[in-house]
Amino acid sequence: MDSIKEQLRQHFLQIVSLTDEEFEYIWSHFTIRKYKKRQFLIQEGETVKYHFWVSKGLLKSSYTDESGKEHILQFAMEDWWISDYLALYNHMPASLSVDCIEDSEVLAILEDDRQKLAREIHAFSNFFLQKKNGGYVGLQQRILLLLFKNPRERYERLQQLQPRLLQRVPKTLLASYLGVSRESLSRLYQGAVGL
């Protein structure tokens, strides 16, 4: 438990300063959860109450359309946050599923507790504000890539920004995330290897 606690402390310290007392109080609001590969943290239609911070492993959030096709919105590996934010903030059933690509360990915090801590500790509030802003910027960049860049450019951008992620995500899931077929991804991968 001490290593995951220190990992979370370092995660906060990348953005804000906290006293030992503040961090201990924040830590008391998190719970450690372990999940196996393919296990769900959130399923479509469920109530969503938690933010999840990944200590170890790899997760994905996705939407399944009426035809049964999965559309991947986000991957989350170590030091990343994930949830169904639309459901969490608007108190509505989940429209996304969040599940594990690898065996994973996460820290979970209730949205109610996060709000309480944000009211009580200015640095904690600032931390989440910066994380939300970063997430918004990342989402905007992803949308622009999907709208205006071809598959090769999307693949190369992901390769540039997240090389570790490319090594860990199965090709089928990566193809869904990039909005291409598995075969097209293989061609992109072959072309990238030859670069």
N, C-alpha and C. Protein backbone atom coordinates (compact mmCIF):
# COMPACT_ATOMS: atom_id res chain seq x y z
N MET A 1 0.82 -1.20 0.00
CA MET A 1 0.00 0.00 0.00
C MET A 1 0.87 1.26 0.00
N ASP A 2 2.02 1.21 0.66
CA ASP A 2 2.87 2.39 0.73
C ASP A 2 3.35 2.84 -0.64
N SER A 3 3.62 1.89 -1.55
CA SER A 3 4.11 2.29 -2.87
C SER A 3 3.03 2.99 -3.68
N ILE A 4 1.80 2.51 -3.62
CA ILE A 4 0.71 3.17 -4.36
C ILE A 4 0.42 4.53 -3.74
N LYS A 5 0.54 4.63 -2.44
CA LYS A 5 0.32 5.90 -1.76
C LYS A 5 1.38 6.92 -2.19
N GLU A 6 2.63 6.49 -2.24
CA GLU A 6 3.71 7.39 -2.67
C GLU A 6 3.56 7.74 -4.15
N GLN A 7 3.10 6.78 -4.94
CA GLN A 7 2.86 7.04 -6.37
C GLN A 7 1.81 8.14 -6.54
N LEU A 8 0.74 8.08 -5.76
CA LEU A 8 -0.29 9.12 -5.83
C LEU A 8 0.26 10.46 -5.35
N ARG A 9 1.04 10.45 -4.28
CA ARG A 9 1.63 11.70 -3.78
C ARG A 9 2.48 12.36 -4.87
N GLN A 10 3.31 11.57 -5.54
CA GLN A 10 4.16 12.11 -6.61
C GLN A 10 3.33 12.65 -7.77
N HIS A 11 2.22 11.98 -8.04
CA HIS A 11 1.31 12.43 -9.10
C HIS A 11 0.78 13.84 -8.79
N PHE A 12 0.35 14.05 -7.55
CA PHE A 12 -0.13 15.38 -7.15
C PHE A 12 1.00 16.40 -7.18
N LEU A 13 2.18 16.00 -6.70
CA LEU A 13 3.29 16.94 -6.60
C LEU A 13 3.81 17.41 -7.95
N GLN A 14 3.48 16.70 -9.02
CA GLN A 14 3.85 17.16 -10.36
C GLN A 14 3.15 18.48 -10.71
N ILE A 15 2.04 18.76 -10.02
CA ILE A 15 1.23 19.92 -10.36
C ILE A 15 1.09 20.90 -9.19
N VAL A 16 0.90 20.40 -7.97
CA VAL A 16 0.65 21.27 -6.81
C VAL A 16 1.51 20.85 -5.63
N SER A 17 1.63 21.75 -4.68
CA SER A 17 2.30 21.44 -3.41
C SER A 17 1.25 21.13 -2.36
N LEU A 18 1.50 20.08 -1.58
CA LEU A 18 0.59 19.69 -0.50
C LEU A 18 1.41 19.46 0.75
N THR A 19 0.86 19.84 1.90
CA THR A 19 1.51 19.49 3.15
C THR A 19 1.29 18.01 3.41
N ASP A 20 2.06 17.43 4.31
CA ASP A 20 1.85 16.02 4.66
C ASP A 20 0.44 15.80 5.21
N GLU A 21 -0.03 16.74 5.99
CA GLU A 21 -1.37 16.62 6.57
C GLU A 21 -2.45 16.67 5.49
N GLU A 22 -2.28 17.58 4.54
CA GLU A 22 -3.25 17.66 3.44
C GLU A 22 -3.27 16.37 2.64
N PHE A 23 -2.07 15.86 2.32
CA PHE A 23 -2.04 14.63 1.52
C PHE A 23 -2.65 13.46 2.27
N GLU A 24 -2.36 13.32 3.56
CA GLU A 24 -2.94 12.23 4.35
C GLU A 24 -4.47 12.30 4.36
N TYR A 25 -4.98 13.51 4.47
CA TYR A 25 -6.43 13.70 4.45
C TYR A 25 -7.00 13.32 3.08
N ILE A 26 -6.34 13.76 2.02
CA ILE A 26 -6.76 13.40 0.66
C ILE A 26 -6.71 11.88 0.49
N TRP A 27 -5.61 11.28 0.90
CA TRP A 27 -5.41 9.83 0.76
C TRP A 27 -6.54 9.05 1.44
N SER A 28 -7.04 9.56 2.55
CA SER A 28 -8.09 8.85 3.30
C SER A 28 -9.39 8.74 2.51
N HIS A 29 -9.54 9.49 1.44
CA HIS A 29 -10.76 9.45 0.64
C HIS A 29 -10.67 8.50 -0.57
N PHE A 30 -9.52 7.91 -0.79
CA PHE A 30 -9.34 6.98 -1.90
C PHE A 30 -9.44 5.54 -1.43
N THR A 31 -9.91 4.68 -2.31
CA THR A 31 -9.90 3.24 -2.04
C THR A 31 -9.13 2.54 -3.16
N ILE A 32 -8.39 1.51 -2.79
CA ILE A 32 -7.63 0.72 -3.76
C ILE A 32 -8.54 -0.37 -4.30
N ARG A 33 -8.53 -0.53 -5.61
CA ARG A 33 -9.32 -1.59 -6.26
C ARG A 33 -8.43 -2.30 -7.27
N LYS A 34 -8.57 -3.62 -7.31
CA LYS A 34 -7.82 -4.43 -8.27
C LYS A 34 -8.80 -5.12 -9.21
N TYR A 35 -8.44 -5.12 -10.49
CA TYR A 35 -9.29 -5.70 -11.52
C TYR A 35 -8.47 -6.62 -12.41
N LYS A 36 -9.11 -7.64 -12.90
CA LYS A 36 -8.49 -8.56 -13.85
C LYS A 36 -8.72 -8.07 -15.28
N LYS A 37 -7.90 -8.56 -16.19
CA LYS A 37 -8.07 -8.27 -17.61
C LYS A 37 -9.51 -8.58 -18.03
N ARG A 38 -10.11 -7.68 -18.79
CA ARG A 38 -11.48 -7.76 -19.31
C ARG A 38 -12.55 -7.47 -18.25
N GLN A 39 -12.17 -7.19 -17.03
CA GLN A 39 -13.16 -6.86 -16.00
C GLN A 39 -13.57 -5.40 -16.14
N PHE A 40 -14.86 -5.12 -15.86
CA PHE A 40 -15.41 -3.77 -16.02
C PHE A 40 -15.33 -2.98 -14.72
N LEU A 41 -14.96 -1.71 -14.85
CA LEU A 41 -15.09 -0.75 -13.76
C LEU A 41 -16.44 -0.06 -13.86
N ILE A 42 -16.86 0.20 -15.12
CA ILE A 42 -18.14 0.84 -15.42
C ILE A 42 -18.74 0.11 -16.62
N GLN A 43 -20.05 -0.14 -16.55
CA GLN A 43 -20.76 -0.71 -17.71
C GLN A 43 -21.87 0.24 -18.12
N GLU A 44 -22.15 0.26 -19.42
CA GLU A 44 -23.21 1.11 -19.94
C GLU A 44 -24.50 0.86 -19.15
N GLY A 45 -25.18 1.95 -18.80
CA GLY A 45 -26.44 1.87 -18.07
C GLY A 45 -26.30 1.96 -16.56
N GLU A 46 -25.09 1.77 -16.04
CA GLU A 46 -24.88 1.83 -14.59
C GLU A 46 -24.81 3.27 -14.09
N THR A 47 -24.99 3.43 -12.78
CA THR A 47 -24.75 4.70 -12.12
C THR A 47 -23.24 4.87 -11.95
N VAL A 48 -22.74 6.06 -12.20
CA VAL A 48 -21.30 6.33 -12.09
C VAL A 48 -21.08 7.30 -10.94
N LYS A 49 -20.25 6.89 -9.97
CA LYS A 49 -19.99 7.74 -8.80
C LYS A 49 -18.51 8.05 -8.60
N TYR A 50 -17.63 7.37 -9.35
CA TYR A 50 -16.20 7.44 -9.07
C TYR A 50 -15.37 7.99 -10.22
N HIS A 51 -14.27 8.64 -9.83
CA HIS A 51 -13.13 8.92 -10.69
C HIS A 51 -12.14 7.80 -10.40
N PHE A 52 -11.45 7.31 -11.42
CA PHE A 52 -10.45 6.26 -11.23
C PHE A 52 -9.09 6.76 -11.68
N TRP A 53 -8.09 6.56 -10.84
CA TRP A 53 -6.71 6.90 -11.18
C TRP A 53 -5.94 5.59 -11.30
N VAL A 54 -5.26 5.40 -12.42
CA VAL A 54 -4.59 4.14 -12.70
C VAL A 54 -3.21 4.12 -12.05
N SER A 55 -3.04 3.18 -11.14
CA SER A 55 -1.74 2.97 -10.49
C SER A 55 -0.91 1.99 -11.30
N LYS A 56 -1.59 0.96 -11.81
CA LYS A 56 -0.90 -0.09 -12.58
C LYS A 56 -1.89 -0.69 -13.56
N GLY A 57 -1.45 -0.89 -14.80
CA GLY A 57 -2.30 -1.55 -15.78
C GLY A 57 -2.72 -0.63 -16.91
N LEU A 58 -3.70 -1.09 -17.67
CA LEU A 58 -4.17 -0.39 -18.86
C LEU A 58 -5.67 -0.60 -19.01
N LEU A 59 -6.41 0.50 -19.19
CA LEU A 59 -7.86 0.46 -19.31
C LEU A 59 -8.29 1.18 -20.58
N LYS A 60 -9.56 0.99 -20.93
CA LYS A 60 -10.12 1.73 -22.06
C LYS A 60 -11.56 2.12 -21.74
N SER A 61 -11.98 3.25 -22.29
CA SER A 61 -13.40 3.61 -22.24
C SER A 61 -13.92 3.52 -23.66
N SER A 62 -15.13 2.98 -23.80
CA SER A 62 -15.67 2.77 -25.14
C SER A 62 -17.18 2.88 -25.14
N TYR A 63 -17.70 3.07 -26.34
CA TYR A 63 -19.14 3.12 -26.59
C TYR A 63 -19.46 2.05 -27.61
N THR A 64 -20.52 1.31 -27.37
CA THR A 64 -20.95 0.28 -28.32
C THR A 64 -22.23 0.76 -29.00
N ASP A 65 -22.18 0.85 -30.34
CA ASP A 65 -23.35 1.35 -31.07
C ASP A 65 -24.40 0.27 -31.26
N GLU A 66 -25.51 0.64 -31.90
CA GLU A 66 -26.65 -0.29 -32.07
C GLU A 66 -26.28 -1.54 -32.85
N SER A 67 -25.29 -1.44 -33.72
CA SER A 67 -24.89 -2.60 -34.52
C SER A 67 -23.89 -3.49 -33.77
N GLY A 68 -23.51 -3.08 -32.56
CA GLY A 68 -22.58 -3.88 -31.77
C GLY A 68 -21.12 -3.51 -31.98
N LYS A 69 -20.86 -2.48 -32.75
CA LYS A 69 -19.48 -2.05 -33.00
C LYS A 69 -18.99 -1.21 -31.82
N GLU A 70 -17.78 -1.52 -31.37
CA GLU A 70 -17.17 -0.79 -30.26
C GLU A 70 -16.36 0.39 -30.79
N HIS A 71 -16.56 1.56 -30.18
CA HIS A 71 -15.83 2.77 -30.52
C HIS A 71 -15.03 3.19 -29.28
N ILE A 72 -13.71 3.21 -29.38
CA ILE A 72 -12.88 3.51 -28.22
C ILE A 72 -12.62 5.01 -28.15
N LEU A 73 -12.94 5.58 -27.01
CA LEU A 73 -12.75 7.01 -26.79
C LEU A 73 -11.41 7.31 -26.14
N GLN A 74 -11.00 6.47 -25.21
CA GLN A 74 -9.82 6.78 -24.41
C GLN A 74 -9.14 5.51 -23.94
N PHE A 75 -7.83 5.57 -23.84
CA PHE A 75 -7.05 4.58 -23.11
C PHE A 75 -6.53 5.26 -21.86
N ALA A 76 -6.27 4.49 -20.83
CA ALA A 76 -5.70 5.05 -19.59
C ALA A 76 -4.69 4.06 -19.04
N MET A 77 -3.44 4.52 -18.93
CA MET A 77 -2.40 3.70 -18.31
C MET A 77 -1.93 4.42 -17.05
N GLU A 78 -0.83 3.99 -16.49
CA GLU A 78 -0.36 4.51 -15.22
C GLU A 78 -0.32 6.05 -15.20
N ASP A 79 -0.84 6.59 -14.11
CA ASP A 79 -0.90 8.04 -13.86
C ASP A 79 -1.99 8.76 -14.64
N TRP A 80 -2.90 8.04 -15.27
CA TRP A 80 -4.00 8.65 -16.00
C TRP A 80 -5.30 8.47 -15.22
N TRP A 81 -6.24 9.37 -15.46
CA TRP A 81 -7.58 9.33 -14.85
C TRP A 81 -8.59 8.87 -15.89
N ILE A 82 -9.64 8.18 -15.42
CA ILE A 82 -10.67 7.71 -16.34
C ILE A 82 -11.99 7.56 -15.60
N SER A 83 -13.07 7.81 -16.31
CA SER A 83 -14.44 7.59 -15.82
C SER A 83 -15.37 7.85 -17.00
N ASP A 84 -16.67 7.79 -16.78
CA ASP A 84 -17.64 8.28 -17.75
C ASP A 84 -18.07 9.63 -17.20
N TYR A 85 -17.43 10.69 -17.65
CA TYR A 85 -17.62 12.01 -17.05
C TYR A 85 -19.00 12.59 -17.33
N LEU A 86 -19.56 12.29 -18.48
CA LEU A 86 -20.91 12.76 -18.77
C LEU A 86 -21.89 12.20 -17.74
N ALA A 87 -21.79 10.91 -17.48
CA ALA A 87 -22.67 10.28 -16.49
C ALA A 87 -22.35 10.76 -15.07
N LEU A 88 -21.08 10.89 -14.76
CA LEU A 88 -20.65 11.28 -13.41
C LEU A 88 -21.15 12.67 -13.05
N TYR A 89 -20.94 13.64 -13.94
CA TYR A 89 -21.28 15.02 -13.62
C TYR A 89 -22.76 15.35 -13.81
N ASN A 90 -23.44 14.61 -14.68
CA ASN A 90 -24.85 14.90 -14.94
C ASN A 90 -25.80 13.93 -14.26
N HIS A 91 -25.27 13.04 -13.44
CA HIS A 91 -26.09 12.09 -12.66
C HIS A 91 -27.06 11.33 -13.56
N MET A 92 -26.49 10.75 -14.62
CA MET A 92 -27.29 9.97 -15.55
C MET A 92 -26.62 8.62 -15.75
N PRO A 93 -27.34 7.62 -16.27
CA PRO A 93 -26.72 6.31 -16.49
C PRO A 93 -25.54 6.39 -17.45
N ALA A 94 -24.58 5.53 -17.25
CA ALA A 94 -23.37 5.51 -18.07
C ALA A 94 -23.72 5.23 -19.53
N SER A 95 -23.12 5.98 -20.43
CA SER A 95 -23.25 5.70 -21.86
C SER A 95 -21.99 5.00 -22.36
N LEU A 96 -20.95 4.99 -21.52
CA LEU A 96 -19.68 4.34 -21.85
C LEU A 96 -19.44 3.15 -20.94
N SER A 97 -18.55 2.29 -21.38
CA SER A 97 -18.04 1.22 -20.53
C SER A 97 -16.56 1.49 -20.31
N VAL A 98 -16.07 1.16 -19.13
CA VAL A 98 -14.64 1.24 -18.84
C VAL A 98 -14.21 -0.14 -18.38
N ASP A 99 -13.25 -0.75 -19.10
CA ASP A 99 -12.79 -2.08 -18.73
C ASP A 99 -11.29 -2.18 -18.88
N CYS A 100 -10.76 -3.29 -18.37
CA CYS A 100 -9.31 -3.48 -18.29
C CYS A 100 -8.78 -4.24 -19.50
N ILE A 101 -7.74 -3.71 -20.10
CA ILE A 101 -7.02 -4.39 -21.17
C ILE A 101 -5.96 -5.31 -20.55
N GLU A 102 -5.45 -4.91 -19.39
CA GLU A 102 -4.48 -5.68 -18.61
C GLU A 102 -5.01 -5.79 -17.18
N ASP A 103 -4.48 -6.72 -16.40
CA ASP A 103 -4.75 -6.70 -14.96
C ASP A 103 -4.37 -5.32 -14.46
N SER A 104 -5.22 -4.72 -13.64
CA SER A 104 -5.01 -3.32 -13.27
C SER A 104 -5.29 -3.08 -11.79
N GLU A 105 -4.65 -2.03 -11.29
CA GLU A 105 -4.88 -1.56 -9.93
C GLU A 105 -5.17 -0.07 -10.04
N VAL A 106 -6.28 0.35 -9.45
CA VAL A 106 -6.68 1.75 -9.52
C VAL A 106 -6.98 2.28 -8.12
N LEU A 107 -6.96 3.59 -8.01
CA LEU A 107 -7.49 4.26 -6.83
C LEU A 107 -8.79 4.92 -7.24
N ALA A 108 -9.82 4.73 -6.43
CA ALA A 108 -11.14 5.29 -6.73
C ALA A 108 -11.48 6.36 -5.71
N ILE A 109 -12.06 7.46 -6.19
CA ILE A 109 -12.55 8.50 -5.29
C ILE A 109 -13.96 8.89 -5.74
N LEU A 110 -14.86 8.96 -4.78
CA LEU A 110 -16.23 9.38 -5.07
C LEU A 110 -16.23 10.83 -5.54
N GLU A 111 -17.09 11.15 -6.49
CA GLU A 111 -17.23 12.54 -6.95
C GLU A 111 -17.64 13.44 -5.79
N ASP A 112 -18.51 12.98 -4.90
CA ASP A 112 -18.90 13.79 -3.74
C ASP A 112 -17.69 14.11 -2.86
N ASP A 113 -16.81 13.14 -2.67
CA ASP A 113 -15.60 13.37 -1.87
C ASP A 113 -14.64 14.30 -2.60
N ARG A 114 -14.54 14.14 -3.91
CA ARG A 114 -13.66 15.03 -4.68
C ARG A 114 -14.13 16.47 -4.55
N GLN A 115 -15.44 16.69 -4.63
CA GLN A 115 -15.98 18.04 -4.48
C GLN A 115 -15.72 18.59 -3.08
N LYS A 116 -15.90 17.76 -2.07
CA LYS A 116 -15.66 18.19 -0.69
C LYS A 116 -14.20 18.58 -0.50
N LEU A 117 -13.28 17.74 -1.00
CA LEU A 117 -11.85 18.04 -0.88
C LEU A 117 -11.49 19.32 -1.65
N ALA A 118 -12.11 19.53 -2.78
CA ALA A 118 -11.83 20.73 -3.57
C ALA A 118 -12.28 21.99 -2.83
N ARG A 119 -13.37 21.89 -2.06
CA ARG A 119 -13.81 23.04 -1.26
C ARG A 119 -12.86 23.29 -0.08
N GLU A 120 -12.31 22.22 0.47
CA GLU A 120 -11.50 22.33 1.68
C GLU A 120 -10.02 22.62 1.44
N ILE A 121 -9.48 22.14 0.31
CA ILE A 121 -8.04 22.28 0.04
C ILE A 121 -7.85 22.92 -1.33
N HIS A 122 -7.40 24.16 -1.31
CA HIS A 122 -7.25 24.92 -2.55
C HIS A 122 -6.34 24.20 -3.56
N ALA A 123 -5.23 23.64 -3.08
CA ALA A 123 -4.29 22.96 -4.00
C ALA A 123 -4.95 21.77 -4.68
N PHE A 124 -5.80 21.05 -3.96
CA PHE A 124 -6.51 19.91 -4.53
C PHE A 124 -7.46 20.39 -5.64
N SER A 125 -8.16 21.49 -5.37
CA SER A 125 -9.05 22.07 -6.37
C SER A 125 -8.27 22.48 -7.62
N ASN A 126 -7.12 23.11 -7.40
CA ASN A 126 -6.27 23.54 -8.51
C ASN A 126 -5.76 22.34 -9.31
N PHE A 127 -5.40 21.26 -8.63
CA PHE A 127 -4.93 20.05 -9.29
C PHE A 127 -5.99 19.55 -10.28
N PHE A 128 -7.23 19.40 -9.80
CA PHE A 128 -8.28 18.87 -10.67
C PHE A 128 -8.66 19.85 -11.78
N LEU A 129 -8.57 21.14 -11.50
CA LEU A 129 -8.82 22.12 -12.55
C LEU A 129 -7.81 21.95 -13.67
N GLN A 130 -6.54 21.80 -13.32
CA GLN A 130 -5.51 21.62 -14.35
C GLN A 130 -5.69 20.30 -15.09
N LYS A 131 -6.06 19.24 -14.37
CA LYS A 131 -6.30 17.94 -15.01
C LYS A 131 -7.48 18.03 -15.98
N LYS A 132 -8.55 18.70 -15.57
CA LYS A 132 -9.71 18.85 -16.45
C LYS A 132 -9.35 19.66 -17.69
N ASN A 133 -8.60 20.75 -17.49
CA ASN A 133 -8.19 21.56 -18.64
C ASN A 133 -7.34 20.74 -19.60
N GLY A 134 -6.40 19.97 -19.06
CA GLY A 134 -5.57 19.11 -19.90
C GLY A 134 -6.39 18.07 -20.65
N GLY A 135 -7.37 17.51 -19.96
CA GLY A 135 -8.26 16.53 -20.60
C GLY A 135 -9.08 17.15 -21.71
N TYR A 136 -9.56 18.37 -21.48
CA TYR A 136 -10.33 19.06 -22.50
C TYR A 136 -9.48 19.34 -23.74
N VAL A 137 -8.26 19.80 -23.51
CA VAL A 137 -7.35 20.07 -24.63
C VAL A 137 -7.06 18.79 -25.40
N GLY A 138 -6.80 17.70 -24.68
CA GLY A 138 -6.54 16.41 -25.32
C GLY A 138 -7.72 15.93 -26.15
N LEU A 139 -8.93 16.10 -25.60
CA LEU A 139 -10.13 15.69 -26.33
C LEU A 139 -10.32 16.54 -27.58
N GLN A 140 -10.08 17.84 -27.47
CA GLN A 140 -10.20 18.72 -28.64
C GLN A 140 -9.21 18.31 -29.72
N GLN A 141 -7.97 18.02 -29.32
CA GLN A 141 -6.96 17.59 -30.29
C GLN A 141 -7.38 16.28 -30.95
N ARG A 142 -7.93 15.36 -30.17
CA ARG A 142 -8.37 14.07 -30.73
C ARG A 142 -9.49 14.27 -31.75
N ILE A 143 -10.44 15.12 -31.44
CA ILE A 143 -11.54 15.38 -32.37
C ILE A 143 -11.01 16.00 -33.66
N LEU A 144 -10.11 16.96 -33.54
CA LEU A 144 -9.55 17.59 -34.73
C LEU A 144 -8.76 16.60 -35.57
N LEU A 145 -8.03 15.70 -34.92
CA LEU A 145 -7.30 14.67 -35.66
C LEU A 145 -8.27 13.77 -36.43
N LEU A 146 -9.35 13.36 -35.78
CA LEU A 146 -10.32 12.48 -36.44
C LEU A 146 -11.03 13.19 -37.59
N LEU A 147 -11.27 14.50 -37.44
CA LEU A 147 -11.98 15.23 -38.48
C LEU A 147 -11.11 15.61 -39.67
N PHE A 148 -9.86 15.97 -39.41
CA PHE A 148 -9.06 16.60 -40.45
C PHE A 148 -7.79 15.88 -40.86
N LYS A 149 -7.43 14.81 -40.18
CA LYS A 149 -6.19 14.11 -40.52
C LYS A 149 -6.51 12.72 -41.06
N ASN A 150 -5.67 12.26 -41.97
CA ASN A 150 -5.87 10.92 -42.51
C ASN A 150 -5.35 9.88 -41.51
N PRO A 151 -5.66 8.61 -41.73
CA PRO A 151 -5.25 7.57 -40.78
C PRO A 151 -3.74 7.54 -40.51
N ARG A 152 -2.94 7.73 -41.54
CA ARG A 152 -1.48 7.72 -41.33
C ARG A 152 -1.06 8.85 -40.38
N GLU A 153 -1.62 10.04 -40.58
CA GLU A 153 -1.28 11.18 -39.72
C GLU A 153 -1.75 10.94 -38.28
N ARG A 154 -2.92 10.32 -38.11
CA ARG A 154 -3.42 10.02 -36.77
C ARG A 154 -2.50 9.01 -36.08
N TYR A 155 -2.10 8.00 -36.83
CA TYR A 155 -1.20 6.97 -36.28
C TYR A 155 0.15 7.60 -35.89
N GLU A 156 0.70 8.41 -36.77
CA GLU A 156 2.00 9.03 -36.50
C GLU A 156 1.94 9.97 -35.31
N ARG A 157 0.83 10.68 -35.17
CA ARG A 157 0.66 11.59 -34.03
C ARG A 157 0.60 10.80 -32.72
N LEU A 158 -0.14 9.70 -32.73
CA LEU A 158 -0.20 8.85 -31.54
C LEU A 158 1.16 8.26 -31.23
N GLN A 159 1.86 7.85 -32.26
CA GLN A 159 3.21 7.31 -32.09
C GLN A 159 4.14 8.34 -31.48
N GLN A 160 3.99 9.57 -31.90
CA GLN A 160 4.81 10.68 -31.39
C GLN A 160 4.48 11.00 -29.94
N LEU A 161 3.18 11.06 -29.60
CA LEU A 161 2.74 11.47 -28.28
C LEU A 161 2.78 10.35 -27.24
N GLN A 162 2.44 9.13 -27.65
CA GLN A 162 2.31 8.03 -26.70
C GLN A 162 2.96 6.74 -27.21
N PRO A 163 4.27 6.71 -27.41
CA PRO A 163 4.90 5.49 -27.92
C PRO A 163 4.71 4.28 -27.00
N ARG A 164 4.70 4.50 -25.69
CA ARG A 164 4.48 3.39 -24.74
C ARG A 164 3.10 2.77 -24.92
N LEU A 165 2.13 3.61 -25.18
CA LEU A 165 0.77 3.12 -25.36
C LEU A 165 0.68 2.23 -26.58
N LEU A 166 1.32 2.62 -27.67
CA LEU A 166 1.29 1.82 -28.90
C LEU A 166 1.86 0.42 -28.68
N GLN A 167 2.83 0.30 -27.79
CA GLN A 167 3.45 -1.00 -27.53
C GLN A 167 2.54 -1.91 -26.71
N ARG A 168 1.59 -1.35 -25.97
CA ARG A 168 0.77 -2.12 -25.04
C ARG A 168 -0.64 -2.44 -25.54
N VAL A 169 -1.16 -1.62 -26.43
CA VAL A 169 -2.55 -1.79 -26.86
C VAL A 169 -2.62 -2.78 -28.01
N PRO A 170 -3.49 -3.80 -27.90
CA PRO A 170 -3.67 -4.75 -29.01
C PRO A 170 -4.09 -4.01 -30.29
N LYS A 171 -3.63 -4.51 -31.42
CA LYS A 171 -3.86 -3.85 -32.71
C LYS A 171 -5.35 -3.64 -33.03
N THR A 172 -6.19 -4.59 -32.66
CA THR A 172 -7.62 -4.45 -32.93
C THR A 172 -8.20 -3.24 -32.20
N LEU A 173 -7.79 -3.06 -30.93
CA LEU A 173 -8.27 -1.93 -30.14
C LEU A 173 -7.69 -0.62 -30.66
N LEU A 174 -6.45 -0.67 -31.05
CA LEU A 174 -5.79 0.52 -31.60
C LEU A 174 -6.48 0.97 -32.89
N ALA A 175 -6.86 0.01 -33.72
CA ALA A 175 -7.56 0.33 -34.97
C ALA A 175 -8.89 1.03 -34.66
N SER A 176 -9.63 0.52 -33.67
CA SER A 176 -10.89 1.14 -33.29
C SER A 176 -10.67 2.57 -32.80
N TYR A 177 -9.64 2.77 -32.00
CA TYR A 177 -9.32 4.10 -31.47
C TYR A 177 -8.98 5.09 -32.59
N LEU A 178 -8.26 4.62 -33.59
CA LEU A 178 -7.84 5.48 -34.70
C LEU A 178 -8.92 5.63 -35.78
N GLY A 179 -9.99 4.83 -35.68
CA GLY A 179 -11.07 4.91 -36.64
C GLY A 179 -10.74 4.28 -37.98
N VAL A 180 -9.94 3.19 -37.94
CA VAL A 180 -9.57 2.47 -39.16
C VAL A 180 -9.83 0.98 -38.98
N SER A 181 -9.79 0.25 -40.06
CA SER A 181 -9.94 -1.21 -39.97
C SER A 181 -8.62 -1.81 -39.47
N ARG A 182 -8.69 -3.04 -39.01
CA ARG A 182 -7.49 -3.75 -38.54
C ARG A 182 -6.48 -3.89 -39.68
N GLU A 183 -6.99 -4.13 -40.89
CA GLU A 183 -6.13 -4.29 -42.06
C GLU A 183 -5.41 -2.97 -42.40
N SER A 184 -6.16 -1.87 -42.33
CA SER A 184 -5.55 -0.57 -42.59
C SER A 184 -4.46 -0.26 -41.56
N LEU A 185 -4.73 -0.61 -40.31
CA LEU A 185 -3.73 -0.38 -39.27
C LEU A 185 -2.47 -1.19 -39.56
N SER A 186 -2.62 -2.42 -40.03
CA SER A 186 -1.46 -3.24 -40.36
C SER A 186 -0.62 -2.56 -41.44
N ARG A 187 -1.28 -1.98 -42.42
CA ARG A 187 -0.55 -1.26 -43.47
C ARG A 187 0.17 -0.04 -42.90
N LEU A 188 -0.50 0.68 -42.01
CA LEU A 188 0.12 1.84 -41.37
C LEU A 188 1.33 1.41 -40.54
N TYR A 189 1.17 0.31 -39.83
CA TYR A 189 2.25 -0.20 -38.97
C TYR A 189 3.45 -0.62 -39.82
N GLN A 190 3.16 -1.31 -40.92
CA GLN A 190 4.24 -1.74 -41.82
C GLN A 190 4.97 -0.53 -42.38
N GLY A 191 4.20 0.50 -42.73
CA GLY A 191 4.82 1.72 -43.26
C GLY A 191 5.65 2.44 -42.22
N ALA A 192 5.18 2.43 -40.96
CA ALA A 192 5.92 3.09 -39.87
C ALA A 192 7.22 2.37 -39.57
N VAL A 193 7.20 1.04 -39.66
CA VAL A 193 8.41 0.27 -39.40
C VAL A 193 9.48 0.59 -40.44
N GLY A 194 9.01 0.84 -41.67
CA GLY A 194 9.96 1.15 -42.74
C GLY A 194 10.48 2.57 -42.73
N LEU A 195 9.90 3.44 -41.87
CA LEU A 195 10.34 4.84 -41.84
C LEU A 195 11.73 5.01 -41.30
